[in-house]
Amino acid sequence: MEQNNKAEKFANIVSLDHVNILTSDVDACRKFYVDALGFKEGFRPEFDSAGLWLYLKEIPVLHFIQTDEELPNNSGTIDHIAFRAHDFNKFTARLKKHGVAYEDNPVPELDLHQLFCYDPHGVKIEFNFEGQCK
């Protein structure tokens, strides 16, 4: 117990705030994340660099920063970003409408559907749909 008490003094983390993604094409990110996936674009402070903030409800969870640097086409050392989602059929219909390829991975022991797709820079995105296994 003593070790846990000491850890509590240092670990006051309560949630993930946002993910920041460097991009050479903010418009491609907007088309993918807003148009195809349904994130909402919202307020972003006037930083020196161009960018985009995308929201879930009132929280800006995805930040994009425009860069002229050459970027790798993948997620780097982070394998993927995951989100909880609802209405599997509506979501997959939206992806099909926008030509977004995806992989559907039902997990029956958990009554969970995992859906994976890739953004314009090769970042793997996971969506978890609970209670919607076929």
C-alpha atoms as a PDB file:
ATOM      1  CA  MET A   1       0.000   0.000   0.000  1.00  0.00           C
ATOM      2  CA  GLU A   2       2.818   2.389   0.792  1.00  0.00           C
ATOM      3  CA  GLN A   3       4.021   2.378  -2.809  1.00  0.00           C
ATOM      4  CA  ASN A   4       0.536   3.254  -4.111  1.00  0.00           C
ATOM      5  CA  ASN A   5       0.271   6.197  -1.722  1.00  0.00           C
ATOM      6  CA  LYS A   6       3.580   7.578  -2.977  1.00  0.00           C
ATOM      7  CA  ALA A   7       2.526   7.085  -6.608  1.00  0.00           C
ATOM      8  CA  GLU A   8      -0.729   8.939  -6.008  1.00  0.00           C
ATOM      9  CA  LYS A   9       1.233  12.034  -5.040  1.00  0.00           C
ATOM     10  CA  PHE A  10       2.823  12.137  -8.491  1.00  0.00           C
ATOM     11  CA  ALA A  11       0.191  10.621 -10.796  1.00  0.00           C
ATOM     12  CA  ASN A  12      -2.751  12.986 -11.000  1.00  0.00           C
ATOM     13  CA  ILE A  13      -3.429  12.328 -14.674  1.00  0.00           C
ATOM     14  CA  VAL A  14      -7.166  12.125 -15.351  1.00  0.00           C
ATOM     15  CA  SER A  15      -7.580  11.799 -19.141  1.00  0.00           C
ATOM     16  CA  LEU A  16      -5.959  12.100 -22.527  1.00  0.00           C
ATOM     17  CA  ASP A  17      -6.357  15.714 -23.662  1.00  0.00           C
ATOM     18  CA  HIS A  18      -5.547  15.639 -27.383  1.00  0.00           C
ATOM     19  CA  VAL A  19      -3.375  14.151 -30.104  1.00  0.00           C
ATOM     20  CA  ASN A  20      -1.217  16.466 -32.213  1.00  0.00           C
ATOM     21  CA  ILE A  21      -0.493  15.489 -35.813  1.00  0.00           C
ATOM     22  CA  LEU A  22       2.006  17.232 -38.077  1.00  0.00           C
ATOM     23  CA  THR A  23       0.787  17.591 -41.646  1.00  0.00           C
ATOM     24  CA  SER A  24       1.966  18.988 -44.937  1.00  0.00           C
ATOM     25  CA  ASP A  25      -1.689  19.215 -46.089  1.00  0.00           C
ATOM     26  CA  VAL A  26      -4.234  20.656 -43.649  1.00  0.00           C
ATOM     27  CA  ASP A  27      -6.960  20.554 -46.323  1.00  0.00           C
ATOM     28  CA  ALA A  28      -6.505  16.800 -46.867  1.00  0.00           C
ATOM     29  CA  CYS A  29      -6.817  16.297 -43.094  1.00  0.00           C
ATOM     30  CA  ARG A  30      -9.979  18.429 -43.028  1.00  0.00           C
ATOM     31  CA  LYS A  31     -11.550  16.417 -45.867  1.00  0.00           C
ATOM     32  CA  PHE A  32     -10.730  13.119 -44.183  1.00  0.00           C
ATOM     33  CA  TYR A  33     -11.459  13.875 -40.524  1.00  0.00           C
ATOM     34  CA  VAL A  34     -14.358  16.326 -40.967  1.00  0.00           C
ATOM     35  CA  ASP A  35     -16.031  15.242 -44.207  1.00  0.00           C
ATOM     36  CA  ALA A  36     -15.429  11.484 -44.105  1.00  0.00           C
ATOM     37  CA  LEU A  37     -15.229  10.732 -40.369  1.00  0.00           C
ATOM     38  CA  GLY A  38     -17.541  13.429 -38.995  1.00  0.00           C
ATOM     39  CA  PHE A  39     -15.310  15.303 -36.551  1.00  0.00           C
ATOM     40  CA  LYS A  40     -16.300  18.937 -36.000  1.00  0.00           C
ATOM     41  CA  GLU A  41     -13.921  21.762 -36.847  1.00  0.00           C
ATOM     42  CA  GLY A  42     -13.771  24.425 -34.168  1.00  0.00           C
ATOM     43  CA  PHE A  43     -11.921  27.301 -32.610  1.00  0.00           C
ATOM     44  CA  ARG A  44      -8.132  27.314 -32.854  1.00  0.00           C
ATOM     45  CA  PRO A  45      -6.017  30.115 -31.389  1.00  0.00           C
ATOM     46  CA  GLU A  46      -4.088  32.263 -33.868  1.00  0.00           C
ATOM     47  CA  PHE A  47      -0.725  30.523 -33.640  1.00  0.00           C
ATOM     48  CA  ASP A  48       2.187  31.463 -35.908  1.00  0.00           C
ATOM     49  CA  SER A  49       1.688  28.263 -37.925  1.00  0.00           C
ATOM     50  CA  ALA A  50      -1.386  27.181 -39.857  1.00  0.00           C
ATOM     51  CA  GLY A  51      -3.398  24.312 -38.479  1.00  0.00           C
ATOM     52  CA  LEU A  52      -6.716  22.833 -37.512  1.00  0.00           C
ATOM     53  CA  TRP A  53      -8.445  21.769 -34.279  1.00  0.00           C
ATOM     54  CA  LEU A  54     -11.122  19.074 -34.396  1.00  0.00           C
ATOM     55  CA  TYR A  55     -13.633  18.531 -31.639  1.00  0.00           C
ATOM     56  CA  LEU A  56     -15.653  15.779 -30.003  1.00  0.00           C
ATOM     57  CA  LYS A  57     -18.486  17.561 -28.217  1.00  0.00           C
ATOM     58  CA  GLU A  58     -16.802  20.639 -26.715  1.00  0.00           C
ATOM     59  CA  ILE A  59     -13.277  19.209 -26.506  1.00  0.00           C
ATOM     60  CA  PRO A  60     -10.579  19.761 -29.165  1.00  0.00           C
ATOM     61  CA  VAL A  61      -9.159  16.226 -29.319  1.00  0.00           C
ATOM     62  CA  LEU A  62      -7.206  16.386 -32.577  1.00  0.00           C
ATOM     63  CA  HIS A  63      -4.744  19.171 -33.340  1.00  0.00           C
ATOM     64  CA  PHE A  64      -3.049  19.493 -36.721  1.00  0.00           C
ATOM     65  CA  ILE A  65      -0.046  21.694 -37.400  1.00  0.00           C
ATOM     66  CA  GLN A  66       1.007  22.600 -40.937  1.00  0.00           C
ATOM     67  CA  THR A  67       4.686  21.915 -41.598  1.00  0.00           C
ATOM     68  CA  ASP A  68       6.941  22.103 -44.637  1.00  0.00           C
ATOM     69  CA  GLU A  69       9.101  19.297 -43.272  1.00  0.00           C
ATOM     70  CA  GLU A  70       9.114  15.953 -45.057  1.00  0.00           C
ATOM     71  CA  LEU A  71       7.023  13.565 -42.965  1.00  0.00           C
ATOM     72  CA  PRO A  72       6.986   9.758 -42.842  1.00  0.00           C
ATOM     73  CA  ASN A  73       3.827   8.127 -44.179  1.00  0.00           C
ATOM     74  CA  ASN A  74       2.848   6.232 -41.027  1.00  0.00           C
ATOM     75  CA  SER A  75       2.106   6.556 -37.342  1.00  0.00           C
ATOM     76  CA  GLY A  76       5.755   6.401 -36.293  1.00  0.00           C
ATOM     77  CA  THR A  77       6.260   4.579 -33.018  1.00  0.00           C
ATOM     78  CA  ILE A  78       2.610   5.014 -31.991  1.00  0.00           C
ATOM     79  CA  ASP A  79       0.586   2.242 -33.614  1.00  0.00           C
ATOM     80  CA  HIS A  80      -2.828   3.931 -33.672  1.00  0.00           C
ATOM     81  CA  ILE A  81      -5.294   6.404 -32.187  1.00  0.00           C
ATOM     82  CA  ALA A  82      -8.561   4.909 -30.888  1.00  0.00           C
ATOM     83  CA  PHE A  83     -12.025   6.410 -30.371  1.00  0.00           C
ATOM     84  CA  ARG A  84     -15.315   5.061 -29.008  1.00  0.00           C
ATOM     85  CA  ALA A  85     -18.145   5.405 -31.516  1.00  0.00           C
ATOM     86  CA  HIS A  86     -21.836   4.668 -32.022  1.00  0.00           C
ATOM     87  CA  ASP A  87     -24.002   3.449 -34.933  1.00  0.00           C
ATOM     88  CA  PHE A  88     -21.664   1.082 -36.765  1.00  0.00           C
ATOM     89  CA  ASN A  89     -23.872   0.819 -39.880  1.00  0.00           C
ATOM     90  CA  LYS A  90     -24.255   4.583 -40.286  1.00  0.00           C
ATOM     91  CA  PHE A  91     -20.524   5.109 -39.755  1.00  0.00           C
ATOM     92  CA  THR A  92     -19.469   2.467 -42.288  1.00  0.00           C
ATOM     93  CA  ALA A  93     -21.968   3.865 -44.827  1.00  0.00           C
ATOM     94  CA  ARG A  94     -20.344   7.280 -44.390  1.00  0.00           C
ATOM     95  CA  LEU A  95     -16.876   5.803 -44.937  1.00  0.00           C
ATOM     96  CA  LYS A  96     -18.043   4.013 -48.096  1.00  0.00           C
ATOM     97  CA  LYS A  97     -19.638   7.234 -49.403  1.00  0.00           C
ATOM     98  CA  HIS A  98     -16.271   9.001 -49.040  1.00  0.00           C
ATOM     99  CA  GLY A  99     -14.244   6.105 -50.462  1.00  0.00           C
ATOM    100  CA  VAL A 100     -12.421   5.381 -47.200  1.00  0.00           C
ATOM    101  CA  ALA A 101     -11.137   1.811 -47.027  1.00  0.00           C
ATOM    102  CA  TYR A 102     -11.482   0.160 -43.629  1.00  0.00           C
ATOM    103  CA  GLU A 103     -10.972  -3.150 -41.846  1.00  0.00           C
ATOM    104  CA  ASP A 104     -13.765  -4.533 -39.669  1.00  0.00           C
ATOM    105  CA  ASN A 105     -12.641  -6.677 -36.746  1.00  0.00           C
ATOM    106  CA  PRO A 106     -15.504  -8.092 -34.625  1.00  0.00           C
ATOM    107  CA  VAL A 107     -14.474  -9.171 -31.110  1.00  0.00           C
ATOM    108  CA  PRO A 108     -17.356 -11.431 -29.978  1.00  0.00           C
ATOM    109  CA  GLU A 109     -16.013 -12.198 -26.498  1.00  0.00           C
ATOM    110  CA  LEU A 110     -16.230  -8.469 -25.762  1.00  0.00           C
ATOM    111  CA  ASP A 111     -19.325  -7.738 -27.886  1.00  0.00           C
ATOM    112  CA  LEU A 112     -17.175  -5.181 -29.669  1.00  0.00           C
ATOM    113  CA  HIS A 113     -16.575  -4.146 -33.263  1.00  0.00           C
ATOM    114  CA  GLN A 114     -13.208  -2.608 -34.030  1.00  0.00           C
ATOM    115  CA  LEU A 115     -12.949  -0.652 -37.242  1.00  0.00           C
ATOM    116  CA  PHE A 116      -9.552   0.462 -38.574  1.00  0.00           C
ATOM    117  CA  CYS A 117      -8.762   2.977 -41.317  1.00  0.00           C
ATOM    118  CA  TYR A 118      -5.849   5.232 -42.258  1.00  0.00           C
ATOM    119  CA  ASP A 119      -5.709   9.012 -42.560  1.00  0.00           C
ATOM    120  CA  PRO A 120      -4.033  10.814 -45.500  1.00  0.00           C
ATOM    121  CA  HIS A 121      -0.615  10.474 -43.792  1.00  0.00           C
ATOM    122  CA  GLY A 122      -0.937   6.790 -42.960  1.00  0.00           C
ATOM    123  CA  VAL A 123      -1.909   7.307 -39.316  1.00  0.00           C
ATOM    124  CA  LYS A 124      -3.976   4.297 -38.232  1.00  0.00           C
ATOM    125  CA  ILE A 125      -7.302   5.238 -36.628  1.00  0.00           C
ATOM    126  CA  GLU A 126      -9.395   2.750 -34.613  1.00  0.00           C
ATOM    127  CA  PHE A 127     -13.094   3.124 -33.814  1.00  0.00           C
ATOM    128  CA  ASN A 128     -14.688   0.889 -31.147  1.00  0.00           C
ATOM    129  CA  PHE A 129     -18.401   0.104 -31.362  1.00  0.00           C
ATOM    130  CA  GLU A 130     -19.666  -1.685 -28.232  1.00  0.00           C
ATOM    131  CA  GLY A 131     -22.753  -3.902 -28.354  1.00  0.00           C
ATOM    132  CA  GLN A 132     -22.902  -3.964 -32.134  1.00  0.00           C
ATOM    133  CA  CYS A 133     -21.349  -7.305 -33.094  1.00  0.00           C
ATOM    134  CA  LYS A 134     -23.232  -9.138 -35.820  1.00  0.00           C
END
